[in-house]
Amino acid sequence: MTSPVPHFDLDFGITCIDVEYIRPRMACCYLIVHNGKAAIIETGTNFSVPLILQCLRDKGLSVNDVELIIPTHVHLDHAGGVGSLMQECPQATLLIHPRGARHMIAPQKLTEACKMVYGEAEFVEMYGELVPVEESRVQIMEDKETVSLSGRDLNFLDSPGHAKHHFVIYDEMSKGVFTGDIFGACYPELTSSKGPFIIPPTSPSQFDPDAWYSSLDRLMELNCERAYLTHFGAVNDLPELAVDIRRRIESSSALALGCKSAENLFESIVEALTRETKKDLQEHGIQLGEAEFHKLLAGDIEVSAQGLELWVNQI
């Protein structure tokens, strides 16, 4: 007997699926069902694919009902399972950013780069083997292009800042936008009476604060009512959250620049981000012990510090 897949039904035919990346409620993908056809936005890793397939079965859907598979960018917590999921869904087309397509068709360079970061053993444990996608099944989506899911329009908007190969997807029916990482991360455990606590993932290697601010401005021009975050779940009150994430990008950038002359730049950025995040959490009404802070945020801080270190060394 299969275990129940952790998923949450939202409005407008949208389901949030916990892809069980690292820990519960850290990363998710979204299933959109319209007129019996399905799109899957984000895939998690190879190890997430069985969860997605089980959710399809739970919904009474076949793999042949999946028309579109759409990672917002090719970082592996978002796109590591693309090739495997495409193999399972023979009618699906992969919609991808122009800068990301080659990494899905021939993932060798992406694999090598990630192994340099994680080491081979940890890479295999976290992500498995990246499966290439047949080029004939790949459709590049340019800025402002639209695709139809059985009559439901999905609009694509180029959104660099976190990565150059990043887009967001605006769903006209829900008046919601699937934001990948460009609208930050809001873990459910860090929501207080003041609302979600939002953090910008400044992970390597293409962090660009000015491009990020421009992407946020373009996103807010859509006048969305909600955002569907990969990390994690749906949020409202987007104007207020946009102010928060912009402020934290500015703060993180300033902290990193302030560490530029440190003997060990990376460790100094980690320490500065940790102090700042703890202070911001307290002001937000969130009290975390050291163990819980480490569980929820230490990994994010280290990865964000890696991206900030690269950025500081490039400017």
C-alpha atoms as a PDB file:
ATOM      1  CA  MET A   1       0.000   0.000   0.000  1.00  0.00           C
ATOM      2  CA  THR A   2       1.445   3.382  -0.978  1.00  0.00           C
ATOM      3  CA  SER A   3       1.943   6.121   1.588  1.00  0.00           C
ATOM      4  CA  PRO A   4      -0.152   9.252   1.140  1.00  0.00           C
ATOM      5  CA  VAL A   5       1.583  11.981  -0.827  1.00  0.00           C
ATOM      6  CA  PRO A   6       1.784  15.272   1.104  1.00  0.00           C
ATOM      7  CA  HIS A   7      -0.196  17.633  -1.083  1.00  0.00           C
ATOM      8  CA  PHE A   8      -2.508  20.560  -0.484  1.00  0.00           C
ATOM      9  CA  ASP A   9      -5.433  21.417  -2.731  1.00  0.00           C
ATOM     10  CA  LEU A  10      -5.688  25.125  -3.440  1.00  0.00           C
ATOM     11  CA  ASP A  11      -8.319  27.005  -5.435  1.00  0.00           C
ATOM     12  CA  PHE A  12      -8.491  27.246  -9.239  1.00  0.00           C
ATOM     13  CA  GLY A  13      -7.547  23.614  -9.887  1.00  0.00           C
ATOM     14  CA  ILE A  14      -4.090  24.037  -8.354  1.00  0.00           C
ATOM     15  CA  THR A  15      -2.461  21.508  -6.038  1.00  0.00           C
ATOM     16  CA  CYS A  16       0.730  22.109  -4.066  1.00  0.00           C
ATOM     17  CA  ILE A  17       2.854  18.945  -3.771  1.00  0.00           C
ATOM     18  CA  ASP A  18       5.607  18.710  -1.154  1.00  0.00           C
ATOM     19  CA  VAL A  19       8.559  17.245  -3.089  1.00  0.00           C
ATOM     20  CA  GLU A  20      10.294  16.242   0.176  1.00  0.00           C
ATOM     21  CA  TYR A  21      13.563  17.959  -0.696  1.00  0.00           C
ATOM     22  CA  ILE A  22      15.874  17.875   2.370  1.00  0.00           C
ATOM     23  CA  ARG A  23      12.994  18.267   4.837  1.00  0.00           C
ATOM     24  CA  PRO A  24       9.201  18.573   4.812  1.00  0.00           C
ATOM     25  CA  ARG A  25       7.744  21.904   3.647  1.00  0.00           C
ATOM     26  CA  MET A  26      10.988  23.163   2.155  1.00  0.00           C
ATOM     27  CA  ALA A  27      10.255  22.790  -1.560  1.00  0.00           C
ATOM     28  CA  CYS A  28       7.177  22.028  -3.615  1.00  0.00           C
ATOM     29  CA  CYS A  29       5.863  21.767  -7.129  1.00  0.00           C
ATOM     30  CA  TYR A  30       2.436  22.688  -8.447  1.00  0.00           C
ATOM     31  CA  LEU A  31      -0.073  20.659 -10.407  1.00  0.00           C
ATOM     32  CA  ILE A  32      -2.574  22.663 -12.479  1.00  0.00           C
ATOM     33  CA  VAL A  33      -5.557  20.744 -13.843  1.00  0.00           C
ATOM     34  CA  HIS A  34      -7.860  22.326 -16.416  1.00  0.00           C
ATOM     35  CA  ASN A  35     -10.426  20.575 -18.633  1.00  0.00           C
ATOM     36  CA  GLY A  36      -8.861  17.219 -17.802  1.00  0.00           C
ATOM     37  CA  LYS A  37      -5.336  18.266 -18.824  1.00  0.00           C
ATOM     38  CA  ALA A  38      -2.429  18.950 -16.517  1.00  0.00           C
ATOM     39  CA  ALA A  39       0.640  21.152 -16.208  1.00  0.00           C
ATOM     40  CA  ILE A  40       3.357  20.584 -13.623  1.00  0.00           C
ATOM     41  CA  ILE A  41       5.357  23.619 -12.511  1.00  0.00           C
ATOM     42  CA  GLU A  42       8.703  22.649 -10.932  1.00  0.00           C
ATOM     43  CA  THR A  43       9.673  19.002 -10.486  1.00  0.00           C
ATOM     44  CA  GLY A  44      11.930  18.803  -7.462  1.00  0.00           C
ATOM     45  CA  THR A  45      14.655  16.179  -7.862  1.00  0.00           C
ATOM     46  CA  ASN A  46      14.645  12.697  -9.377  1.00  0.00           C
ATOM     47  CA  PHE A  47      13.510  11.427  -5.983  1.00  0.00           C
ATOM     48  CA  SER A  48      10.445  13.693  -6.145  1.00  0.00           C
ATOM     49  CA  VAL A  49       9.087  12.155  -9.351  1.00  0.00           C
ATOM     50  CA  PRO A  50       7.320   9.188  -7.660  1.00  0.00           C
ATOM     51  CA  LEU A  51       5.483  11.674  -5.406  1.00  0.00           C
ATOM     52  CA  ILE A  52       4.252  13.612  -8.435  1.00  0.00           C
ATOM     53  CA  LEU A  53       3.128  10.446 -10.202  1.00  0.00           C
ATOM     54  CA  GLN A  54       1.277   9.260  -7.107  1.00  0.00           C
ATOM     55  CA  CYS A  55      -0.478  12.611  -6.819  1.00  0.00           C
ATOM     56  CA  LEU A  56      -1.610  12.278 -10.444  1.00  0.00           C
ATOM     57  CA  ARG A  57      -3.072   8.864  -9.631  1.00  0.00           C
ATOM     58  CA  ASP A  58      -4.742  10.254  -6.502  1.00  0.00           C
ATOM     59  CA  LYS A  59      -6.405  12.854  -8.726  1.00  0.00           C
ATOM     60  CA  GLY A  60      -7.599  10.241 -11.205  1.00  0.00           C
ATOM     61  CA  LEU A  61      -5.199  11.499 -13.865  1.00  0.00           C
ATOM     62  CA  SER A  62      -3.011   9.545 -16.252  1.00  0.00           C
ATOM     63  CA  VAL A  63       0.550  10.435 -17.183  1.00  0.00           C
ATOM     64  CA  ASN A  64      -0.887  10.934 -20.676  1.00  0.00           C
ATOM     65  CA  ASP A  65      -2.964  13.838 -19.318  1.00  0.00           C
ATOM     66  CA  VAL A  66       0.189  15.828 -18.539  1.00  0.00           C
ATOM     67  CA  GLU A  67       0.679  18.329 -21.370  1.00  0.00           C
ATOM     68  CA  LEU A  68       3.245  20.716 -19.891  1.00  0.00           C
ATOM     69  CA  ILE A  69       6.223  20.415 -17.556  1.00  0.00           C
ATOM     70  CA  ILE A  70       7.614  23.811 -16.547  1.00  0.00           C
ATOM     71  CA  PRO A  71      10.620  24.425 -14.276  1.00  0.00           C
ATOM     72  CA  THR A  72      11.090  28.110 -13.464  1.00  0.00           C
ATOM     73  CA  HIS A  73      14.871  27.661 -13.768  1.00  0.00           C
ATOM     74  CA  VAL A  74      17.388  24.830 -13.849  1.00  0.00           C
ATOM     75  CA  HIS A  75      18.627  24.799 -10.246  1.00  0.00           C
ATOM     76  CA  LEU A  76      18.227  21.194  -9.224  1.00  0.00           C
ATOM     77  CA  ASP A  77      15.690  21.653  -6.413  1.00  0.00           C
ATOM     78  CA  HIS A  78      13.441  23.011  -9.189  1.00  0.00           C
ATOM     79  CA  ALA A  79      14.488  21.009 -12.260  1.00  0.00           C
ATOM     80  CA  GLY A  80      16.546  17.998 -11.161  1.00  0.00           C
ATOM     81  CA  GLY A  81      13.645  15.649 -11.888  1.00  0.00           C
ATOM     82  CA  VAL A  82      12.711  17.099 -15.300  1.00  0.00           C
ATOM     83  CA  GLY A  83      14.272  14.360 -17.443  1.00  0.00           C
ATOM     84  CA  SER A  84      12.835  11.520 -15.368  1.00  0.00           C
ATOM     85  CA  LEU A  85       9.368  13.091 -15.279  1.00  0.00           C
ATOM     86  CA  MET A  86       9.433  13.697 -19.041  1.00  0.00           C
ATOM     87  CA  GLN A  87      10.169   9.996 -19.561  1.00  0.00           C
ATOM     88  CA  GLU A  88       7.128   9.109 -17.443  1.00  0.00           C
ATOM     89  CA  CYS A  89       4.830  11.581 -19.224  1.00  0.00           C
ATOM     90  CA  PRO A  90       5.089  10.815 -22.957  1.00  0.00           C
ATOM     91  CA  GLN A  91       2.649  13.505 -24.118  1.00  0.00           C
ATOM     92  CA  ALA A  92       4.312  16.338 -22.198  1.00  0.00           C
ATOM     93  CA  THR A  93       6.284  19.228 -23.649  1.00  0.00           C
ATOM     94  CA  LEU A  94       9.030  20.846 -21.596  1.00  0.00           C
ATOM     95  CA  LEU A  95       8.690  24.644 -21.441  1.00  0.00           C
ATOM     96  CA  ILE A  96      12.004  26.218 -20.502  1.00  0.00           C
ATOM     97  CA  HIS A  97      13.874  29.514 -20.368  1.00  0.00           C
ATOM     98  CA  PRO A  98      16.145  30.112 -23.396  1.00  0.00           C
ATOM     99  CA  ARG A  99      19.249  30.030 -21.196  1.00  0.00           C
ATOM    100  CA  GLY A 100      18.190  26.787 -19.503  1.00  0.00           C
ATOM    101  CA  ALA A 101      17.232  24.619 -22.468  1.00  0.00           C
ATOM    102  CA  ARG A 102      20.716  23.314 -23.244  1.00  0.00           C
ATOM    103  CA  HIS A 103      21.162  22.118 -19.655  1.00  0.00           C
ATOM    104  CA  MET A 104      18.018  19.987 -19.880  1.00  0.00           C
ATOM    105  CA  ILE A 105      18.879  18.576 -23.314  1.00  0.00           C
ATOM    106  CA  ALA A 106      22.503  17.806 -22.392  1.00  0.00           C
ATOM    107  CA  PRO A 107      22.898  17.994 -18.602  1.00  0.00           C
ATOM    108  CA  GLN A 108      26.571  16.973 -18.438  1.00  0.00           C
ATOM    109  CA  LYS A 109      27.938  20.472 -17.726  1.00  0.00           C
ATOM    110  CA  LEU A 110      25.234  21.096 -15.133  1.00  0.00           C
ATOM    111  CA  THR A 111      26.090  17.786 -13.479  1.00  0.00           C
ATOM    112  CA  GLU A 112      29.807  18.570 -13.439  1.00  0.00           C
ATOM    113  CA  ALA A 113      29.240  22.036 -11.983  1.00  0.00           C
ATOM    114  CA  CYS A 114      27.011  20.686  -9.226  1.00  0.00           C
ATOM    115  CA  LYS A 115      29.452  17.915  -8.369  1.00  0.00           C
ATOM    116  CA  MET A 116      32.127  20.563  -7.871  1.00  0.00           C
ATOM    117  CA  VAL A 117      29.870  22.265  -5.317  1.00  0.00           C
ATOM    118  CA  TYR A 118      28.549  19.195  -3.483  1.00  0.00           C
ATOM    119  CA  GLY A 119      31.113  16.476  -4.198  1.00  0.00           C
ATOM    120  CA  GLU A 120      30.172  13.432  -6.236  1.00  0.00           C
ATOM    121  CA  ALA A 121      28.840  11.267  -3.400  1.00  0.00           C
ATOM    122  CA  GLU A 122      26.601  13.976  -1.940  1.00  0.00           C
ATOM    123  CA  PHE A 123      25.397  14.995  -5.403  1.00  0.00           C
ATOM    124  CA  VAL A 124      24.285  11.438  -6.182  1.00  0.00           C
ATOM    125  CA  GLU A 125      22.621  11.109  -2.780  1.00  0.00           C
ATOM    126  CA  MET A 126      20.696  14.377  -3.182  1.00  0.00           C
ATOM    127  CA  TYR A 127      19.897  14.360  -6.902  1.00  0.00           C
ATOM    128  CA  GLY A 128      20.676  11.001  -8.499  1.00  0.00           C
ATOM    129  CA  GLU A 129      21.570  11.030 -12.196  1.00  0.00           C
ATOM    130  CA  LEU A 130      20.219  13.831 -14.392  1.00  0.00           C
ATOM    131  CA  VAL A 131      18.281  12.438 -17.358  1.00  0.00           C
ATOM    132  CA  PRO A 132      18.523  14.296 -20.696  1.00  0.00           C
ATOM    133  CA  VAL A 133      15.371  15.469 -22.484  1.00  0.00           C
ATOM    134  CA  GLU A 134      14.860  14.886 -26.201  1.00  0.00           C
ATOM    135  CA  GLU A 135      15.329  18.201 -27.995  1.00  0.00           C
ATOM    136  CA  SER A 136      12.165  17.614 -30.055  1.00  0.00           C
ATOM    137  CA  ARG A 137      10.113  17.753 -26.829  1.00  0.00           C
ATOM    138  CA  VAL A 138      11.572  21.076 -25.655  1.00  0.00           C
ATOM    139  CA  GLN A 139       9.853  24.408 -26.283  1.00  0.00           C
ATOM    140  CA  ILE A 140      11.747  27.581 -25.406  1.00  0.00           C
ATOM    141  CA  MET A 141       9.564  30.297 -23.909  1.00  0.00           C
ATOM    142  CA  GLU A 142      10.620  33.855 -24.628  1.00  0.00           C
ATOM    143  CA  ASP A 143       9.718  36.872 -22.514  1.00  0.00           C
ATOM    144  CA  LYS A 144       5.986  37.729 -22.657  1.00  0.00           C
ATOM    145  CA  GLU A 145       5.045  34.570 -24.564  1.00  0.00           C
ATOM    146  CA  THR A 146       1.820  32.736 -23.730  1.00  0.00           C
ATOM    147  CA  VAL A 147       0.914  29.048 -23.880  1.00  0.00           C
ATOM    148  CA  SER A 148      -2.514  27.467 -23.471  1.00  0.00           C
ATOM    149  CA  LEU A 149      -3.296  24.584 -21.138  1.00  0.00           C
ATOM    150  CA  SER A 150      -6.524  23.306 -22.672  1.00  0.00           C
ATOM    151  CA  GLY A 151      -7.811  26.876 -23.001  1.00  0.00           C
ATOM    152  CA  ARG A 152      -6.151  28.273 -19.858  1.00  0.00           C
ATOM    153  CA  ASP A 153      -3.529  30.937 -20.620  1.00  0.00           C
ATOM    154  CA  LEU A 154      -0.137  30.810 -18.908  1.00  0.00           C
ATOM    155  CA  ASN A 155       2.059  33.854 -19.521  1.00  0.00           C
ATOM    156  CA  PHE A 156       5.852  33.832 -19.196  1.00  0.00           C
ATOM    157  CA  LEU A 157       7.977  36.698 -17.910  1.00  0.00           C
ATOM    158  CA  ASP A 158      11.778  36.740 -17.931  1.00  0.00           C
ATOM    159  CA  SER A 159      12.926  37.374 -14.347  1.00  0.00           C
ATOM    160  CA  PRO A 160      16.688  37.425 -13.755  1.00  0.00           C
ATOM    161  CA  GLY A 161      18.297  38.348 -10.450  1.00  0.00           C
ATOM    162  CA  HIS A 162      18.371  34.987  -8.723  1.00  0.00           C
ATOM    163  CA  ALA A 163      19.541  33.353 -11.964  1.00  0.00           C
ATOM    164  CA  LYS A 164      19.795  34.472 -15.583  1.00  0.00           C
ATOM    165  CA  HIS A 165      17.821  31.392 -16.680  1.00  0.00           C
ATOM    166  CA  HIS A 166      14.751  32.205 -14.576  1.00  0.00           C
ATOM    167  CA  PHE A 167      11.204  33.035 -15.594  1.00  0.00           C
ATOM    168  CA  VAL A 168       7.911  33.334 -13.725  1.00  0.00           C
ATOM    169  CA  ILE A 169       4.541  32.080 -14.945  1.00  0.00           C
ATOM    170  CA  TYR A 170       1.393  34.180 -14.629  1.00  0.00           C
ATOM    171  CA  ASP A 171      -1.874  32.240 -14.558  1.00  0.00           C
ATOM    172  CA  GLU A 172      -4.718  34.483 -15.676  1.00  0.00           C
ATOM    173  CA  MET A 173      -7.420  32.259 -14.172  1.00  0.00           C
ATOM    174  CA  SER A 174      -6.100  32.414 -10.602  1.00  0.00           C
ATOM    175  CA  LYS A 175      -4.552  35.875 -10.962  1.00  0.00           C
ATOM    176  CA  GLY A 176      -1.535  34.196  -9.431  1.00  0.00           C
ATOM    177  CA  VAL A 177       2.104  33.936 -10.383  1.00  0.00           C
ATOM    178  CA  PHE A 178       4.414  30.955  -9.941  1.00  0.00           C
ATOM    179  CA  THR A 179       7.553  32.705  -8.807  1.00  0.00           C
ATOM    180  CA  GLY A 180      10.285  30.075  -8.479  1.00  0.00           C
ATOM    181  CA  ASP A 181      12.871  31.871  -6.324  1.00  0.00           C
ATOM    182  CA  ILE A 182      12.458  35.453  -7.547  1.00  0.00           C
ATOM    183  CA  PHE A 183       9.835  36.299  -4.887  1.00  0.00           C
ATOM    184  CA  GLY A 184      11.892  34.645  -2.160  1.00  0.00           C
ATOM    185  CA  ALA A 185      11.198  31.841   0.266  1.00  0.00           C
ATOM    186  CA  CYS A 186       8.506  31.845   2.981  1.00  0.00           C
ATOM    187  CA  TYR A 187       8.639  28.726   5.112  1.00  0.00           C
ATOM    188  CA  PRO A 188       5.353  27.978   6.938  1.00  0.00           C
ATOM    189  CA  GLU A 189       7.181  27.594  10.259  1.00  0.00           C
ATOM    190  CA  LEU A 190       8.296  31.230  10.036  1.00  0.00           C
ATOM    191  CA  THR A 191       4.866  32.819   9.731  1.00  0.00           C
ATOM    192  CA  SER A 192       3.761  34.984  12.644  1.00  0.00           C
ATOM    193  CA  SER A 193       0.877  37.348  13.351  1.00  0.00           C
ATOM    194  CA  LYS A 194       2.809  39.807  11.166  1.00  0.00           C
ATOM    195  CA  GLY A 195       2.529  37.415   8.223  1.00  0.00           C
ATOM    196  CA  PRO A 196       5.104  35.359   6.331  1.00  0.00           C
ATOM    197  CA  PHE A 197       8.817  35.928   6.915  1.00  0.00           C
ATOM    198  CA  ILE A 198      10.355  36.217   3.475  1.00  0.00           C
ATOM    199  CA  ILE A 199      14.027  35.618   2.632  1.00  0.00           C
ATOM    200  CA  PRO A 200      15.874  36.068  -0.687  1.00  0.00           C
ATOM    201  CA  PRO A 201      17.837  32.986  -1.824  1.00  0.00           C
ATOM    202  CA  THR A 202      21.012  34.631  -3.151  1.00  0.00           C
ATOM    203  CA  SER A 203      22.486  31.275  -4.170  1.00  0.00           C
ATOM    204  CA  PRO A 204      25.327  30.929  -6.708  1.00  0.00           C
ATOM    205  CA  SER A 205      26.269  31.752  -9.254  1.00  0.00           C
ATOM    206  CA  GLN A 206      24.256  34.523 -10.944  1.00  0.00           C
ATOM    207  CA  PHE A 207      22.996  36.716  -8.099  1.00  0.00           C
ATOM    208  CA  ASP A 208      22.400  40.230  -9.450  1.00  0.00           C
ATOM    209  CA  PRO A 209      20.586  42.616  -7.085  1.00  0.00           C
ATOM    210  CA  ASP A 210      19.818  45.285  -9.689  1.00  0.00           C
ATOM    211  CA  ALA A 211      18.315  42.708 -12.063  1.00  0.00           C
ATOM    212  CA  TRP A 212      16.354  41.260  -9.127  1.00  0.00           C
ATOM    213  CA  TYR A 213      14.832  44.650  -8.279  1.00  0.00           C
ATOM    214  CA  SER A 214      13.769  45.075 -11.909  1.00  0.00           C
ATOM    215  CA  SER A 215      12.201  41.601 -11.925  1.00  0.00           C
ATOM    216  CA  LEU A 216      10.257  42.422  -8.768  1.00  0.00           C
ATOM    217  CA  ASP A 217       9.011  45.634 -10.363  1.00  0.00           C
ATOM    218  CA  ARG A 218       7.819  43.756 -13.465  1.00  0.00           C
ATOM    219  CA  LEU A 219       6.137  41.108 -11.322  1.00  0.00           C
ATOM    220  CA  MET A 220       4.263  43.707  -9.290  1.00  0.00           C
ATOM    221  CA  GLU A 221       3.037  45.371 -12.493  1.00  0.00           C
ATOM    222  CA  LEU A 222       0.988  42.214 -13.102  1.00  0.00           C
ATOM    223  CA  ASN A 223      -1.251  43.204 -10.150  1.00  0.00           C
ATOM    224  CA  CYS A 224      -1.377  39.591  -8.989  1.00  0.00           C
ATOM    225  CA  GLU A 225      -3.565  38.578  -6.088  1.00  0.00           C
ATOM    226  CA  ARG A 226      -1.337  35.711  -4.956  1.00  0.00           C
ATOM    227  CA  ALA A 227       2.069  34.148  -5.502  1.00  0.00           C
ATOM    228  CA  TYR A 228       2.832  30.451  -5.576  1.00  0.00           C
ATOM    229  CA  LEU A 229       6.293  30.003  -4.086  1.00  0.00           C
ATOM    230  CA  THR A 230       8.433  26.929  -4.616  1.00  0.00           C
ATOM    231  CA  HIS A 231       9.717  27.480  -1.075  1.00  0.00           C
ATOM    232  CA  PHE A 232       6.888  27.089   0.129  1.00  0.00           C
ATOM    233  CA  GLY A 233       3.224  27.446  -0.753  1.00  0.00           C
ATOM    234  CA  ALA A 234       0.846  30.269  -1.666  1.00  0.00           C
ATOM    235  CA  VAL A 235       1.051  33.779  -0.198  1.00  0.00           C
ATOM    236  CA  ASN A 236      -1.049  36.937  -0.469  1.00  0.00           C
ATOM    237  CA  ASP A 237      -0.331  40.584   0.458  1.00  0.00           C
ATOM    238  CA  LEU A 238       2.222  40.753  -2.337  1.00  0.00           C
ATOM    239  CA  PRO A 239       2.993  44.510  -2.189  1.00  0.00           C
ATOM    240  CA  GLU A 240       4.026  44.217   1.461  1.00  0.00           C
ATOM    241  CA  LEU A 241       6.102  41.097   0.822  1.00  0.00           C
ATOM    242  CA  ALA A 242       7.768  42.754  -2.190  1.00  0.00           C
ATOM    243  CA  VAL A 243       8.931  45.555   0.102  1.00  0.00           C
ATOM    244  CA  ASP A 244      10.281  42.983   2.567  1.00  0.00           C
ATOM    245  CA  ILE A 245      12.232  40.987   0.002  1.00  0.00           C
ATOM    246  CA  ARG A 246      13.688  44.114  -1.608  1.00  0.00           C
ATOM    247  CA  ARG A 247      14.826  45.332   1.807  1.00  0.00           C
ATOM    248  CA  ARG A 248      16.442  41.979   2.608  1.00  0.00           C
ATOM    249  CA  ILE A 249      18.232  41.850  -0.760  1.00  0.00           C
ATOM    250  CA  GLU A 250      19.620  45.314  -0.032  1.00  0.00           C
ATOM    251  CA  SER A 251      20.595  44.281   3.487  1.00  0.00           C
ATOM    252  CA  SER A 252      22.254  41.023   2.393  1.00  0.00           C
ATOM    253  CA  SER A 253      24.209  42.830  -0.317  1.00  0.00           C
ATOM    254  CA  ALA A 254      25.396  45.504   2.110  1.00  0.00           C
ATOM    255  CA  LEU A 255      26.421  42.899   4.687  1.00  0.00           C
ATOM    256  CA  ALA A 256      28.417  40.983   2.086  1.00  0.00           C
ATOM    257  CA  LEU A 257      30.170  44.121   0.846  1.00  0.00           C
ATOM    258  CA  GLY A 258      30.995  44.992   4.436  1.00  0.00           C
ATOM    259  CA  CYS A 259      32.832  41.674   4.744  1.00  0.00           C
ATOM    260  CA  LYS A 260      34.922  42.198   1.596  1.00  0.00           C
ATOM    261  CA  SER A 261      38.191  42.826   3.437  1.00  0.00           C
ATOM    262  CA  ALA A 262      37.724  39.874   5.823  1.00  0.00           C
ATOM    263  CA  GLU A 263      40.370  37.156   5.829  1.00  0.00           C
ATOM    264  CA  ASN A 264      37.729  34.489   5.232  1.00  0.00           C
ATOM    265  CA  LEU A 265      35.008  36.147   3.170  1.00  0.00           C
ATOM    266  CA  PHE A 266      32.591  33.207   3.128  1.00  0.00           C
ATOM    267  CA  GLU A 267      32.647  32.580   6.882  1.00  0.00           C
ATOM    268  CA  SER A 268      32.290  36.294   7.563  1.00  0.00           C
ATOM    269  CA  ILE A 269      29.220  36.514   5.312  1.00  0.00           C
ATOM    270  CA  VAL A 270      27.680  33.450   7.000  1.00  0.00           C
ATOM    271  CA  GLU A 271      28.181  35.031  10.432  1.00  0.00           C
ATOM    272  CA  ALA A 272      26.764  38.384   9.306  1.00  0.00           C
ATOM    273  CA  LEU A 273      23.721  36.799   7.626  1.00  0.00           C
ATOM    274  CA  THR A 274      23.073  34.618  10.665  1.00  0.00           C
ATOM    275  CA  ARG A 275      23.114  37.602  13.031  1.00  0.00           C
ATOM    276  CA  GLU A 276      20.902  39.677  10.741  1.00  0.00           C
ATOM    277  CA  THR A 277      18.411  36.856  10.166  1.00  0.00           C
ATOM    278  CA  LYS A 278      18.076  36.149  13.895  1.00  0.00           C
ATOM    279  CA  LYS A 279      17.476  39.852  14.577  1.00  0.00           C
ATOM    280  CA  ASP A 280      14.876  40.091  11.807  1.00  0.00           C
ATOM    281  CA  LEU A 281      13.113  36.955  13.044  1.00  0.00           C
ATOM    282  CA  GLN A 282      12.817  38.377  16.559  1.00  0.00           C
ATOM    283  CA  GLU A 283      11.388  41.622  15.179  1.00  0.00           C
ATOM    284  CA  HIS A 284       8.912  39.516  13.200  1.00  0.00           C
ATOM    285  CA  GLY A 285       7.773  37.751  16.381  1.00  0.00           C
ATOM    286  CA  ILE A 286       9.484  34.423  15.667  1.00  0.00           C
ATOM    287  CA  GLN A 287      11.396  32.783  18.522  1.00  0.00           C
ATOM    288  CA  LEU A 288      13.631  29.890  17.477  1.00  0.00           C
ATOM    289  CA  GLY A 289      16.069  27.855  19.513  1.00  0.00           C
ATOM    290  CA  GLU A 290      19.487  27.159  18.044  1.00  0.00           C
ATOM    291  CA  ALA A 291      18.556  23.641  16.946  1.00  0.00           C
ATOM    292  CA  GLU A 292      15.387  24.791  15.178  1.00  0.00           C
ATOM    293  CA  PHE A 293      17.174  27.747  13.576  1.00  0.00           C
ATOM    294  CA  HIS A 294      19.859  25.414  12.263  1.00  0.00           C
ATOM    295  CA  LYS A 295      17.277  22.954  10.944  1.00  0.00           C
ATOM    296  CA  LEU A 296      15.217  25.581   9.127  1.00  0.00           C
ATOM    297  CA  LEU A 297      17.736  28.148   7.951  1.00  0.00           C
ATOM    298  CA  ALA A 298      21.412  27.171   8.307  1.00  0.00           C
ATOM    299  CA  GLY A 299      21.496  25.500   4.889  1.00  0.00           C
ATOM    300  CA  ASP A 300      19.822  28.473   3.205  1.00  0.00           C
ATOM    301  CA  ILE A 301      22.256  30.882   4.827  1.00  0.00           C
ATOM    302  CA  GLU A 302      25.290  28.898   3.692  1.00  0.00           C
ATOM    303  CA  VAL A 303      24.070  28.632   0.095  1.00  0.00           C
ATOM    304  CA  SER A 304      23.106  32.314   0.049  1.00  0.00           C
ATOM    305  CA  ALA A 305      26.549  33.202   1.414  1.00  0.00           C
ATOM    306  CA  GLN A 306      28.166  31.262  -1.418  1.00  0.00           C
ATOM    307  CA  GLY A 307      26.273  33.350  -3.953  1.00  0.00           C
ATOM    308  CA  LEU A 308      27.076  36.593  -2.161  1.00  0.00           C
ATOM    309  CA  GLU A 309      30.760  35.660  -1.961  1.00  0.00           C
ATOM    310  CA  LEU A 310      30.896  35.128  -5.730  1.00  0.00           C
ATOM    311  CA  TRP A 311      29.053  38.401  -6.333  1.00  0.00           C
ATOM    312  CA  VAL A 312      31.392  40.390  -4.085  1.00  0.00           C
ATOM    313  CA  ASN A 313      34.443  38.936  -5.828  1.00  0.00           C
ATOM    314  CA  GLN A 314      33.029  39.880  -9.241  1.00  0.00           C
ATOM    315  CA  ILE A 315      32.267  43.542  -8.597  1.00  0.00           C
END
